Amino acid sequence: MQYTTLGDTGMTVSKICLGCMSFGDPAWRDWVLGEEEGKELVERALELGVTFFDTANMYSNGESERVLGEALEGHRDEAVVATKGYFRMDESNPNSGGLSRKAIETQLQASLDRLGMETVDLYQIHRWDDETPIRETMAALDDAIRRGQARYVGASSMWTHQFAEALHTSERRGLDRFVTMQNHYNLVYREEEREMLPYCESRGVGVMPWSPLARGYLTRPDDEIDATLRGETEEHMYRHPYREGGGQEINARVAELADEKGVKMAQIALAWLFHKEWVDTPIVGTTSVEHLEDAVEALDIDLSSSDVDWLEEPYEPVRVSGHD
């Protein structure tokens, strides 16, 4: 395993973050692992040197947090745990979602209870809330840090002007600011390179991309995607423009380069991210110990500048995706 500092926090994390959306309760989504398989995945991650884990209250309606918390018993000091809040947890209760003070205080405490922790290392807003002034959200998050419920706060997919407004609000009011950005970024979705990634780099914000493998699109040839369980059941894959803007040609080039180097497509896609200086640690979600081990091995894959240029060359601008 390799390690890095998360943004300018001084906190060290593994260069692979295990995304915990993939375990909890299979009733939530068909491809999700059950409790015991999830715990085995976390245990193997720890053995491989993974120290960074990202979950959210909405994953399996809280079950992902509970399973992760139990799996990390005895390893809490070495682990860096991140969770998120925003999406409504109870459809009958509008205050169970959003980023009002009430929602943040209630949902953060619920997350901590499920995790079995008094403090989470990183608490992130899962999306932007148009209904709540950002000054209220940032003040509530600052208070959470003061109470010892969170060490740092971060954000996820939004427009760069919104993120800049959030940072400016914190700085103007003397509040703790967002130290991380969890955004949508991979070889077939690079719109974040226009504004968000340069902005994060200039402000010392740690970048931890979600969907580094494009929800599985970069793990196998295009014509085999629909045959997978996730391809059959995961409607979210097709909401993103992965097959647009040169995506199919990029998929083919990833397959060709993987064959040339004797590695897997997913490893090439991850290696490309590891070569991006503005990326701290991609969030790798997996339902397989083998795929987790493959991800760790990808840290050792060397891509030349010509390899990177060749993989990137077919990309064309696509519609912005992932903010909702």
C-alpha atoms as a PDB file:
ATOM      1  CA  MET A   1       0.000   0.000   0.000  1.00  0.00           C
ATOM      2  CA  GLN A   2       1.005   3.584  -0.582  1.00  0.00           C
ATOM      3  CA  TYR A   3      -0.109   6.518   1.557  1.00  0.00           C
ATOM      4  CA  THR A   4      -0.695  10.217   1.077  1.00  0.00           C
ATOM      5  CA  THR A   5      -1.820  13.280   2.981  1.00  0.00           C
ATOM      6  CA  LEU A   6      -5.489  14.134   2.480  1.00  0.00           C
ATOM      7  CA  GLY A   7      -5.423  17.651   1.065  1.00  0.00           C
ATOM      8  CA  ASP A   8      -3.727  20.036   3.472  1.00  0.00           C
ATOM      9  CA  THR A   9      -5.170  18.396   6.604  1.00  0.00           C
ATOM     10  CA  GLY A  10      -1.969  16.614   7.603  1.00  0.00           C
ATOM     11  CA  MET A  11      -4.006  13.409   8.027  1.00  0.00           C
ATOM     12  CA  THR A  12      -2.505  10.367   6.322  1.00  0.00           C
ATOM     13  CA  VAL A  13      -4.720   8.008   4.313  1.00  0.00           C
ATOM     14  CA  SER A  14      -4.158   5.042   2.050  1.00  0.00           C
ATOM     15  CA  LYS A  15      -4.059   5.875  -1.676  1.00  0.00           C
ATOM     16  CA  ILE A  16      -7.081   3.610  -2.050  1.00  0.00           C
ATOM     17  CA  CYS A  17     -10.263   4.389  -0.159  1.00  0.00           C
ATOM     18  CA  LEU A  18     -12.666   1.475   0.215  1.00  0.00           C
ATOM     19  CA  GLY A  19     -16.129   2.612  -0.802  1.00  0.00           C
ATOM     20  CA  CYS A  20     -18.718   0.899   1.370  1.00  0.00           C
ATOM     21  CA  MET A  21     -21.795   1.330  -0.809  1.00  0.00           C
ATOM     22  CA  SER A  22     -21.231  -2.258  -1.935  1.00  0.00           C
ATOM     23  CA  PHE A  23     -22.222  -3.902   1.339  1.00  0.00           C
ATOM     24  CA  GLY A  24     -24.999  -3.734   3.875  1.00  0.00           C
ATOM     25  CA  ASP A  25     -28.351  -5.137   2.772  1.00  0.00           C
ATOM     26  CA  PRO A  26     -28.937  -6.855  -0.611  1.00  0.00           C
ATOM     27  CA  ALA A  27     -32.610  -5.897  -0.337  1.00  0.00           C
ATOM     28  CA  TRP A  28     -31.529  -2.297  -0.974  1.00  0.00           C
ATOM     29  CA  ARG A  29     -29.903  -3.093  -4.348  1.00  0.00           C
ATOM     30  CA  ASP A  30     -29.464  -6.523  -5.892  1.00  0.00           C
ATOM     31  CA  TRP A  31     -25.681  -6.371  -6.214  1.00  0.00           C
ATOM     32  CA  VAL A  32     -25.000  -5.324  -2.593  1.00  0.00           C
ATOM     33  CA  LEU A  33     -23.154  -7.799  -0.346  1.00  0.00           C
ATOM     34  CA  GLY A  34     -24.618  -9.027   2.924  1.00  0.00           C
ATOM     35  CA  GLU A  35     -23.170  -8.416   6.369  1.00  0.00           C
ATOM     36  CA  GLU A  36     -20.666 -11.273   6.618  1.00  0.00           C
ATOM     37  CA  GLU A  37     -19.293 -10.735   3.109  1.00  0.00           C
ATOM     38  CA  GLY A  38     -18.989  -7.023   3.831  1.00  0.00           C
ATOM     39  CA  LYS A  39     -17.008  -7.671   6.990  1.00  0.00           C
ATOM     40  CA  GLU A  40     -14.705 -10.043   5.116  1.00  0.00           C
ATOM     41  CA  LEU A  41     -14.076  -7.291   2.558  1.00  0.00           C
ATOM     42  CA  VAL A  42     -13.162  -4.788   5.292  1.00  0.00           C
ATOM     43  CA  GLU A  43     -10.908  -7.312   7.034  1.00  0.00           C
ATOM     44  CA  ARG A  44      -9.033  -8.033   3.811  1.00  0.00           C
ATOM     45  CA  ALA A  45      -8.726  -4.305   3.120  1.00  0.00           C
ATOM     46  CA  LEU A  46      -7.076  -3.814   6.503  1.00  0.00           C
ATOM     47  CA  GLU A  47      -4.681  -6.699   5.789  1.00  0.00           C
ATOM     48  CA  LEU A  48      -3.734  -5.012   2.498  1.00  0.00           C
ATOM     49  CA  GLY A  49      -2.989  -1.741   4.283  1.00  0.00           C
ATOM     50  CA  VAL A  50      -6.154   0.133   3.354  1.00  0.00           C
ATOM     51  CA  THR A  51      -6.848   2.632   6.136  1.00  0.00           C
ATOM     52  CA  PHE A  52      -9.487   4.870   4.525  1.00  0.00           C
ATOM     53  CA  PHE A  53     -13.176   3.883   4.426  1.00  0.00           C
ATOM     54  CA  ASP A  54     -16.057   5.893   2.968  1.00  0.00           C
ATOM     55  CA  THR A  55     -19.725   5.220   3.627  1.00  0.00           C
ATOM     56  CA  ALA A  56     -22.992   7.200   3.885  1.00  0.00           C
ATOM     57  CA  ASN A  57     -26.185   7.092   5.890  1.00  0.00           C
ATOM     58  CA  MET A  58     -28.225   6.298   2.772  1.00  0.00           C
ATOM     59  CA  TYR A  59     -26.201   3.195   1.803  1.00  0.00           C
ATOM     60  CA  SER A  60     -28.509   0.272   2.545  1.00  0.00           C
ATOM     61  CA  ASN A  61     -30.506   2.709   4.697  1.00  0.00           C
ATOM     62  CA  GLY A  62     -27.794   2.798   7.343  1.00  0.00           C
ATOM     63  CA  GLU A  63     -26.759  -0.853   7.267  1.00  0.00           C
ATOM     64  CA  SER A  64     -23.465  -0.057   5.542  1.00  0.00           C
ATOM     65  CA  GLU A  65     -22.470   2.184   8.465  1.00  0.00           C
ATOM     66  CA  ARG A  66     -23.415  -0.449  11.018  1.00  0.00           C
ATOM     67  CA  VAL A  67     -21.500  -3.231   9.245  1.00  0.00           C
ATOM     68  CA  LEU A  68     -18.439  -1.007   8.767  1.00  0.00           C
ATOM     69  CA  GLY A  69     -18.435   0.038  12.409  1.00  0.00           C
ATOM     70  CA  GLU A  70     -18.571  -3.556  13.613  1.00  0.00           C
ATOM     71  CA  ALA A  71     -15.910  -4.653  11.117  1.00  0.00           C
ATOM     72  CA  LEU A  72     -13.524  -1.959  12.376  1.00  0.00           C
ATOM     73  CA  GLU A  73     -13.745  -2.971  16.029  1.00  0.00           C
ATOM     74  CA  GLY A  74     -10.186  -3.167  17.312  1.00  0.00           C
ATOM     75  CA  HIS A  75      -8.877  -1.114  14.379  1.00  0.00           C
ATOM     76  CA  ARG A  76     -10.471   2.259  15.056  1.00  0.00           C
ATOM     77  CA  ASP A  77      -7.221   4.102  15.788  1.00  0.00           C
ATOM     78  CA  GLU A  78      -5.575   3.077  12.513  1.00  0.00           C
ATOM     79  CA  ALA A  79      -8.652   3.602  10.340  1.00  0.00           C
ATOM     80  CA  VAL A  80      -9.844   6.879   8.834  1.00  0.00           C
ATOM     81  CA  VAL A  81     -13.628   6.779   8.524  1.00  0.00           C
ATOM     82  CA  ALA A  82     -15.753   9.059   6.369  1.00  0.00           C
ATOM     83  CA  THR A  83     -19.525   9.171   6.096  1.00  0.00           C
ATOM     84  CA  LYS A  84     -22.071  11.453   4.451  1.00  0.00           C
ATOM     85  CA  GLY A  85     -25.510  12.929   4.957  1.00  0.00           C
ATOM     86  CA  TYR A  86     -28.082  14.762   2.825  1.00  0.00           C
ATOM     87  CA  PHE A  87     -30.542  12.309   1.247  1.00  0.00           C
ATOM     88  CA  ARG A  88     -33.809  11.787   3.084  1.00  0.00           C
ATOM     89  CA  MET A  89     -33.716   8.747   5.368  1.00  0.00           C
ATOM     90  CA  ASP A  90     -37.455   8.664   6.119  1.00  0.00           C
ATOM     91  CA  GLU A  91     -39.839   9.604   3.327  1.00  0.00           C
ATOM     92  CA  SER A  92     -42.487  10.551   5.885  1.00  0.00           C
ATOM     93  CA  ASN A  93     -40.117  13.014   7.602  1.00  0.00           C
ATOM     94  CA  PRO A  94     -38.787  15.892   5.472  1.00  0.00           C
ATOM     95  CA  ASN A  95     -36.326  16.835   8.228  1.00  0.00           C
ATOM     96  CA  SER A  96     -34.572  13.473   7.871  1.00  0.00           C
ATOM     97  CA  GLY A  97     -32.744  14.863   4.833  1.00  0.00           C
ATOM     98  CA  GLY A  98     -31.263  18.074   3.557  1.00  0.00           C
ATOM     99  CA  LEU A  99     -28.625  20.242   5.203  1.00  0.00           C
ATOM    100  CA  SER A 100     -30.525  22.274   7.767  1.00  0.00           C
ATOM    101  CA  ARG A 101     -29.108  22.442  11.274  1.00  0.00           C
ATOM    102  CA  LYS A 102     -31.790  20.038  12.482  1.00  0.00           C
ATOM    103  CA  ALA A 103     -31.093  17.524   9.717  1.00  0.00           C
ATOM    104  CA  ILE A 104     -27.316  17.645  10.180  1.00  0.00           C
ATOM    105  CA  GLU A 105     -27.432  17.277  13.957  1.00  0.00           C
ATOM    106  CA  THR A 106     -29.980  14.453  13.837  1.00  0.00           C
ATOM    107  CA  GLN A 107     -28.449  12.505  10.981  1.00  0.00           C
ATOM    108  CA  LEU A 108     -24.831  12.860  12.126  1.00  0.00           C
ATOM    109  CA  GLN A 109     -25.746  11.498  15.554  1.00  0.00           C
ATOM    110  CA  ALA A 110     -27.628   8.616  13.919  1.00  0.00           C
ATOM    111  CA  SER A 111     -24.591   7.832  11.773  1.00  0.00           C
ATOM    112  CA  LEU A 112     -22.304   7.853  14.801  1.00  0.00           C
ATOM    113  CA  ASP A 113     -24.674   5.523  16.656  1.00  0.00           C
ATOM    114  CA  ARG A 114     -24.688   3.050  13.777  1.00  0.00           C
ATOM    115  CA  LEU A 115     -20.912   3.265  13.392  1.00  0.00           C
ATOM    116  CA  GLY A 116     -20.466   2.794  17.140  1.00  0.00           C
ATOM    117  CA  MET A 117     -18.165   5.814  17.264  1.00  0.00           C
ATOM    118  CA  GLU A 118     -18.107   9.051  19.201  1.00  0.00           C
ATOM    119  CA  THR A 119     -16.262  10.866  16.401  1.00  0.00           C
ATOM    120  CA  VAL A 120     -16.096  10.356  12.649  1.00  0.00           C
ATOM    121  CA  ASP A 121     -12.918  11.497  10.923  1.00  0.00           C
ATOM    122  CA  LEU A 122     -14.636  13.108   7.942  1.00  0.00           C
ATOM    123  CA  TYR A 123     -18.287  14.130   7.693  1.00  0.00           C
ATOM    124  CA  GLN A 124     -19.382  15.107   4.193  1.00  0.00           C
ATOM    125  CA  ILE A 125     -22.440  16.696   2.667  1.00  0.00           C
ATOM    126  CA  HIS A 126     -23.606  14.223   0.041  1.00  0.00           C
ATOM    127  CA  ARG A 127     -24.980  16.929  -2.272  1.00  0.00           C
ATOM    128  CA  TRP A 128     -25.776  20.665  -2.305  1.00  0.00           C
ATOM    129  CA  ASP A 129     -29.026  21.763  -0.651  1.00  0.00           C
ATOM    130  CA  ASP A 130     -30.799  24.542  -2.554  1.00  0.00           C
ATOM    131  CA  GLU A 131     -33.317  24.923   0.279  1.00  0.00           C
ATOM    132  CA  THR A 132     -30.829  25.772   3.046  1.00  0.00           C
ATOM    133  CA  PRO A 133     -28.511  28.820   3.122  1.00  0.00           C
ATOM    134  CA  ILE A 134     -24.919  27.663   3.019  1.00  0.00           C
ATOM    135  CA  ARG A 135     -24.139  29.821   6.072  1.00  0.00           C
ATOM    136  CA  GLU A 136     -26.522  27.667   8.148  1.00  0.00           C
ATOM    137  CA  THR A 137     -25.009  24.435   6.853  1.00  0.00           C
ATOM    138  CA  MET A 138     -21.424  25.550   7.483  1.00  0.00           C
ATOM    139  CA  ALA A 139     -22.260  26.824  10.983  1.00  0.00           C
ATOM    140  CA  ALA A 140     -23.924  23.510  11.866  1.00  0.00           C
ATOM    141  CA  LEU A 141     -20.923  21.555  10.561  1.00  0.00           C
ATOM    142  CA  ASP A 142     -18.519  23.810  12.465  1.00  0.00           C
ATOM    143  CA  ASP A 143     -20.512  23.156  15.639  1.00  0.00           C
ATOM    144  CA  ALA A 144     -20.238  19.405  15.013  1.00  0.00           C
ATOM    145  CA  ILE A 145     -16.461  19.756  14.970  1.00  0.00           C
ATOM    146  CA  ARG A 146     -16.556  21.804  18.173  1.00  0.00           C
ATOM    147  CA  ARG A 147     -18.673  19.102  19.867  1.00  0.00           C
ATOM    148  CA  GLY A 148     -16.113  16.469  18.870  1.00  0.00           C
ATOM    149  CA  GLN A 149     -18.494  14.600  16.562  1.00  0.00           C
ATOM    150  CA  ALA A 150     -16.348  15.147  13.452  1.00  0.00           C
ATOM    151  CA  ARG A 151     -12.688  15.967  12.926  1.00  0.00           C
ATOM    152  CA  TYR A 152     -13.063  17.388   9.422  1.00  0.00           C
ATOM    153  CA  VAL A 153     -15.881  18.203   7.022  1.00  0.00           C
ATOM    154  CA  GLY A 154     -16.037  17.698   3.285  1.00  0.00           C
ATOM    155  CA  ALA A 155     -18.320  18.040   0.296  1.00  0.00           C
ATOM    156  CA  SER A 156     -19.421  15.978  -2.675  1.00  0.00           C
ATOM    157  CA  SER A 157     -20.544  16.668  -6.238  1.00  0.00           C
ATOM    158  CA  MET A 158     -21.666  20.238  -6.914  1.00  0.00           C
ATOM    159  CA  TRP A 159     -20.860  23.172  -9.181  1.00  0.00           C
ATOM    160  CA  THR A 160     -17.524  24.842  -8.563  1.00  0.00           C
ATOM    161  CA  HIS A 161     -19.164  28.212  -7.899  1.00  0.00           C
ATOM    162  CA  GLN A 162     -21.176  26.574  -5.097  1.00  0.00           C
ATOM    163  CA  PHE A 163     -18.067  25.035  -3.567  1.00  0.00           C
ATOM    164  CA  ALA A 164     -16.264  28.369  -3.789  1.00  0.00           C
ATOM    165  CA  GLU A 165     -19.213  30.056  -2.058  1.00  0.00           C
ATOM    166  CA  ALA A 166     -19.074  27.473   0.745  1.00  0.00           C
ATOM    167  CA  LEU A 167     -15.333  28.021   1.299  1.00  0.00           C
ATOM    168  CA  HIS A 168     -15.737  31.785   1.168  1.00  0.00           C
ATOM    169  CA  THR A 169     -18.609  31.658   3.679  1.00  0.00           C
ATOM    170  CA  SER A 170     -16.530  29.617   6.123  1.00  0.00           C
ATOM    171  CA  GLU A 171     -13.510  31.850   5.828  1.00  0.00           C
ATOM    172  CA  ARG A 172     -15.545  35.045   6.190  1.00  0.00           C
ATOM    173  CA  ARG A 173     -17.289  33.761   9.314  1.00  0.00           C
ATOM    174  CA  GLY A 174     -14.274  32.072  10.900  1.00  0.00           C
ATOM    175  CA  LEU A 175     -15.707  28.550  10.544  1.00  0.00           C
ATOM    176  CA  ASP A 176     -13.990  25.277   9.726  1.00  0.00           C
ATOM    177  CA  ARG A 177     -14.168  24.832   5.967  1.00  0.00           C
ATOM    178  CA  PHE A 178     -14.553  21.868   3.676  1.00  0.00           C
ATOM    179  CA  VAL A 179     -11.207  20.090   3.361  1.00  0.00           C
ATOM    180  CA  THR A 180     -12.216  17.471   0.784  1.00  0.00           C
ATOM    181  CA  MET A 181     -14.187  17.136  -2.444  1.00  0.00           C
ATOM    182  CA  GLN A 182     -15.705  13.784  -3.379  1.00  0.00           C
ATOM    183  CA  ASN A 183     -16.575  14.231  -7.026  1.00  0.00           C
ATOM    184  CA  HIS A 184     -17.403  12.255 -10.155  1.00  0.00           C
ATOM    185  CA  TYR A 185     -14.208  11.608 -12.101  1.00  0.00           C
ATOM    186  CA  ASN A 186     -12.857   8.810 -14.286  1.00  0.00           C
ATOM    187  CA  LEU A 187     -11.425   8.201 -17.751  1.00  0.00           C
ATOM    188  CA  VAL A 188     -14.825   8.481 -19.455  1.00  0.00           C
ATOM    189  CA  TYR A 189     -16.094  11.392 -17.348  1.00  0.00           C
ATOM    190  CA  ARG A 190     -13.583  14.229 -17.100  1.00  0.00           C
ATOM    191  CA  GLU A 191     -15.767  17.340 -16.917  1.00  0.00           C
ATOM    192  CA  GLU A 192     -14.345  18.050 -13.434  1.00  0.00           C
ATOM    193  CA  GLU A 193     -11.037  18.986 -15.042  1.00  0.00           C
ATOM    194  CA  ARG A 194     -12.531  22.247 -16.324  1.00  0.00           C
ATOM    195  CA  GLU A 195     -13.058  24.015 -12.994  1.00  0.00           C
ATOM    196  CA  MET A 196     -13.426  21.848  -9.895  1.00  0.00           C
ATOM    197  CA  LEU A 197     -10.114  20.007  -9.938  1.00  0.00           C
ATOM    198  CA  PRO A 198      -7.938  23.084 -10.617  1.00  0.00           C
ATOM    199  CA  TYR A 199      -9.860  24.949  -7.908  1.00  0.00           C
ATOM    200  CA  CYS A 200      -9.325  22.166  -5.364  1.00  0.00           C
ATOM    201  CA  GLU A 201      -5.631  22.007  -6.224  1.00  0.00           C
ATOM    202  CA  SER A 202      -5.262  25.765  -5.720  1.00  0.00           C
ATOM    203  CA  ARG A 203      -7.033  25.660  -2.325  1.00  0.00           C
ATOM    204  CA  GLY A 204      -5.339  22.588  -0.865  1.00  0.00           C
ATOM    205  CA  VAL A 205      -8.570  20.572  -0.936  1.00  0.00           C
ATOM    206  CA  GLY A 206      -8.204  16.793  -0.932  1.00  0.00           C
ATOM    207  CA  VAL A 207      -9.816  15.048  -3.913  1.00  0.00           C
ATOM    208  CA  MET A 208     -11.383  11.610  -3.533  1.00  0.00           C
ATOM    209  CA  PRO A 209     -13.246  10.726  -6.753  1.00  0.00           C
ATOM    210  CA  TRP A 210     -16.286   8.470  -6.723  1.00  0.00           C
ATOM    211  CA  SER A 211     -16.997   6.005  -9.514  1.00  0.00           C
ATOM    212  CA  PRO A 212     -13.339   5.732 -10.607  1.00  0.00           C
ATOM    213  CA  LEU A 213     -14.307   2.709 -12.716  1.00  0.00           C
ATOM    214  CA  ALA A 214     -17.435   4.375 -14.141  1.00  0.00           C
ATOM    215  CA  ARG A 215     -19.767   2.014 -12.264  1.00  0.00           C
ATOM    216  CA  GLY A 216     -18.030  -0.944 -13.882  1.00  0.00           C
ATOM    217  CA  TYR A 217     -17.963   0.445 -17.421  1.00  0.00           C
ATOM    218  CA  LEU A 218     -14.137   0.501 -17.372  1.00  0.00           C
ATOM    219  CA  THR A 219     -13.798  -3.041 -16.047  1.00  0.00           C
ATOM    220  CA  ARG A 220     -14.762  -4.989 -19.188  1.00  0.00           C
ATOM    221  CA  PRO A 221     -15.327  -4.421 -22.919  1.00  0.00           C
ATOM    222  CA  ASP A 222     -18.353  -2.326 -23.803  1.00  0.00           C
ATOM    223  CA  ASP A 223     -20.275  -5.204 -25.383  1.00  0.00           C
ATOM    224  CA  GLU A 224     -20.011  -7.266 -22.171  1.00  0.00           C
ATOM    225  CA  ILE A 225     -21.326  -4.632 -19.726  1.00  0.00           C
ATOM    226  CA  ASP A 226     -25.015  -5.431 -20.028  1.00  0.00           C
ATOM    227  CA  ALA A 227     -24.408  -9.085 -19.141  1.00  0.00           C
ATOM    228  CA  THR A 228     -23.267  -8.265 -15.595  1.00  0.00           C
ATOM    229  CA  LEU A 229     -25.669  -8.232 -12.649  1.00  0.00           C
ATOM    230  CA  ARG A 230     -24.983  -4.554 -12.085  1.00  0.00           C
ATOM    231  CA  GLY A 231     -25.424  -3.820 -15.771  1.00  0.00           C
ATOM    232  CA  GLU A 232     -28.792  -5.575 -15.715  1.00  0.00           C
ATOM    233  CA  THR A 233     -30.101  -3.998 -12.511  1.00  0.00           C
ATOM    234  CA  GLU A 234     -28.273  -0.685 -11.951  1.00  0.00           C
ATOM    235  CA  GLU A 235     -30.205   2.057 -13.698  1.00  0.00           C
ATOM    236  CA  HIS A 236     -27.771   4.691 -12.386  1.00  0.00           C
ATOM    237  CA  MET A 237     -25.038   3.412 -14.730  1.00  0.00           C
ATOM    238  CA  TYR A 238     -27.064   4.491 -17.740  1.00  0.00           C
ATOM    239  CA  ARG A 239     -27.890   7.930 -16.334  1.00  0.00           C
ATOM    240  CA  HIS A 240     -24.235   8.887 -16.758  1.00  0.00           C
ATOM    241  CA  PRO A 241     -22.748   9.693 -20.205  1.00  0.00           C
ATOM    242  CA  TYR A 242     -20.079   6.999 -20.130  1.00  0.00           C
ATOM    243  CA  ARG A 243     -20.829   5.802 -23.660  1.00  0.00           C
ATOM    244  CA  GLU A 244     -20.936   9.352 -25.013  1.00  0.00           C
ATOM    245  CA  GLY A 245     -18.116  11.729 -25.923  1.00  0.00           C
ATOM    246  CA  GLY A 246     -15.679   9.059 -27.078  1.00  0.00           C
ATOM    247  CA  GLY A 247     -16.438   6.747 -24.172  1.00  0.00           C
ATOM    248  CA  GLN A 248     -16.722   3.613 -26.256  1.00  0.00           C
ATOM    249  CA  GLU A 249     -13.365   4.248 -27.938  1.00  0.00           C
ATOM    250  CA  ILE A 250     -11.750   4.916 -24.555  1.00  0.00           C
ATOM    251  CA  ASN A 251     -13.205   1.646 -23.268  1.00  0.00           C
ATOM    252  CA  ALA A 252     -11.609  -0.138 -26.233  1.00  0.00           C
ATOM    253  CA  ARG A 253      -8.242   1.532 -25.633  1.00  0.00           C
ATOM    254  CA  VAL A 254      -8.288   0.582 -21.949  1.00  0.00           C
ATOM    255  CA  ALA A 255      -8.909  -3.030 -23.018  1.00  0.00           C
ATOM    256  CA  GLU A 256      -6.074  -2.882 -25.559  1.00  0.00           C
ATOM    257  CA  LEU A 257      -3.548  -1.396 -23.136  1.00  0.00           C
ATOM    258  CA  ALA A 258      -4.548  -3.855 -20.411  1.00  0.00           C
ATOM    259  CA  ASP A 259      -3.946  -6.724 -22.817  1.00  0.00           C
ATOM    260  CA  GLU A 260      -0.597  -5.268 -23.835  1.00  0.00           C
ATOM    261  CA  LYS A 261       0.563  -4.938 -20.218  1.00  0.00           C
ATOM    262  CA  GLY A 262      -0.949  -8.242 -19.067  1.00  0.00           C
ATOM    263  CA  VAL A 263      -3.216  -6.608 -16.476  1.00  0.00           C
ATOM    264  CA  LYS A 264      -6.938  -6.032 -16.083  1.00  0.00           C
ATOM    265  CA  MET A 265      -8.944  -3.151 -17.511  1.00  0.00           C
ATOM    266  CA  ALA A 266      -9.902  -1.942 -14.041  1.00  0.00           C
ATOM    267  CA  GLN A 267      -6.223  -1.736 -13.116  1.00  0.00           C
ATOM    268  CA  ILE A 268      -5.461   0.486 -16.107  1.00  0.00           C
ATOM    269  CA  ALA A 269      -8.366   2.792 -15.245  1.00  0.00           C
ATOM    270  CA  LEU A 270      -7.184   3.076 -11.638  1.00  0.00           C
ATOM    271  CA  ALA A 271      -3.548   3.525 -12.655  1.00  0.00           C
ATOM    272  CA  TRP A 272      -4.631   6.495 -14.797  1.00  0.00           C
ATOM    273  CA  LEU A 273      -6.149   8.113 -11.693  1.00  0.00           C
ATOM    274  CA  PHE A 274      -3.066   7.346  -9.595  1.00  0.00           C
ATOM    275  CA  HIS A 275      -1.030   9.299 -12.156  1.00  0.00           C
ATOM    276  CA  LYS A 276      -3.189  12.431 -11.660  1.00  0.00           C
ATOM    277  CA  GLU A 277      -1.509  14.746  -9.154  1.00  0.00           C
ATOM    278  CA  TRP A 278      -4.762  16.435  -8.133  1.00  0.00           C
ATOM    279  CA  VAL A 279      -6.253  13.100  -7.006  1.00  0.00           C
ATOM    280  CA  ASP A 280      -5.480  12.061  -3.437  1.00  0.00           C
ATOM    281  CA  THR A 281      -7.322   8.760  -3.255  1.00  0.00           C
ATOM    282  CA  PRO A 282     -10.037   7.272  -5.466  1.00  0.00           C
ATOM    283  CA  ILE A 283     -12.982   5.613  -3.745  1.00  0.00           C
ATOM    284  CA  VAL A 284     -12.978   2.014  -4.912  1.00  0.00           C
ATOM    285  CA  GLY A 285     -16.231   0.163  -4.378  1.00  0.00           C
ATOM    286  CA  THR A 286     -16.111  -3.581  -4.942  1.00  0.00           C
ATOM    287  CA  THR A 287     -18.096  -6.717  -4.199  1.00  0.00           C
ATOM    288  CA  SER A 288     -15.059  -8.980  -4.488  1.00  0.00           C
ATOM    289  CA  VAL A 289     -11.911  -9.501  -2.415  1.00  0.00           C
ATOM    290  CA  GLU A 290     -10.136 -10.399  -5.657  1.00  0.00           C
ATOM    291  CA  HIS A 291     -11.062  -7.058  -7.218  1.00  0.00           C
ATOM    292  CA  LEU A 292      -9.875  -5.257  -4.096  1.00  0.00           C
ATOM    293  CA  GLU A 293      -6.527  -7.025  -4.383  1.00  0.00           C
ATOM    294  CA  ASP A 294      -6.396  -6.051  -8.069  1.00  0.00           C
ATOM    295  CA  ALA A 295      -6.931  -2.416  -7.097  1.00  0.00           C
ATOM    296  CA  VAL A 296      -3.998  -2.517  -4.701  1.00  0.00           C
ATOM    297  CA  GLU A 297      -1.785  -4.089  -7.373  1.00  0.00           C
ATOM    298  CA  ALA A 298      -2.728  -1.244  -9.731  1.00  0.00           C
ATOM    299  CA  LEU A 299      -0.636   1.109  -7.570  1.00  0.00           C
ATOM    300  CA  ASP A 300       2.451  -0.512  -9.090  1.00  0.00           C
ATOM    301  CA  ILE A 301       1.397  -0.095 -12.732  1.00  0.00           C
ATOM    302  CA  ASP A 302       3.489   2.512 -14.514  1.00  0.00           C
ATOM    303  CA  LEU A 303       1.869   4.450 -17.331  1.00  0.00           C
ATOM    304  CA  SER A 304       4.062   6.525 -19.588  1.00  0.00           C
ATOM    305  CA  SER A 305       2.999  10.012 -20.596  1.00  0.00           C
ATOM    306  CA  SER A 306       2.260   8.633 -24.058  1.00  0.00           C
ATOM    307  CA  ASP A 307       0.054   5.929 -22.515  1.00  0.00           C
ATOM    308  CA  VAL A 308      -1.906   8.596 -20.641  1.00  0.00           C
ATOM    309  CA  ASP A 309      -2.222  10.792 -23.730  1.00  0.00           C
ATOM    310  CA  TRP A 310      -3.414   7.849 -25.844  1.00  0.00           C
ATOM    311  CA  LEU A 311      -6.063   6.858 -23.303  1.00  0.00           C
ATOM    312  CA  GLU A 312      -7.318  10.436 -23.040  1.00  0.00           C
ATOM    313  CA  GLU A 313      -7.213  11.382 -26.728  1.00  0.00           C
ATOM    314  CA  PRO A 314     -10.737  10.215 -27.769  1.00  0.00           C
ATOM    315  CA  TYR A 315     -12.475  12.143 -24.964  1.00  0.00           C
ATOM    316  CA  GLU A 316     -14.989  14.809 -25.962  1.00  0.00           C
ATOM    317  CA  PRO A 317     -17.072  17.074 -23.706  1.00  0.00           C
ATOM    318  CA  VAL A 318     -20.228  15.466 -22.319  1.00  0.00           C
ATOM    319  CA  ARG A 319     -23.166  16.670 -20.244  1.00  0.00           C
ATOM    320  CA  VAL A 320     -22.451  17.298 -16.586  1.00  0.00           C
ATOM    321  CA  SER A 321     -23.587  14.324 -14.513  1.00  0.00           C
ATOM    322  CA  GLY A 322     -23.621  13.407 -10.845  1.00  0.00           C
ATOM    323  CA  HIS A 323     -24.812  16.574  -9.123  1.00  0.00           C
ATOM    324  CA  ASP A 324     -28.285  15.203  -8.341  1.00  0.00           C
END
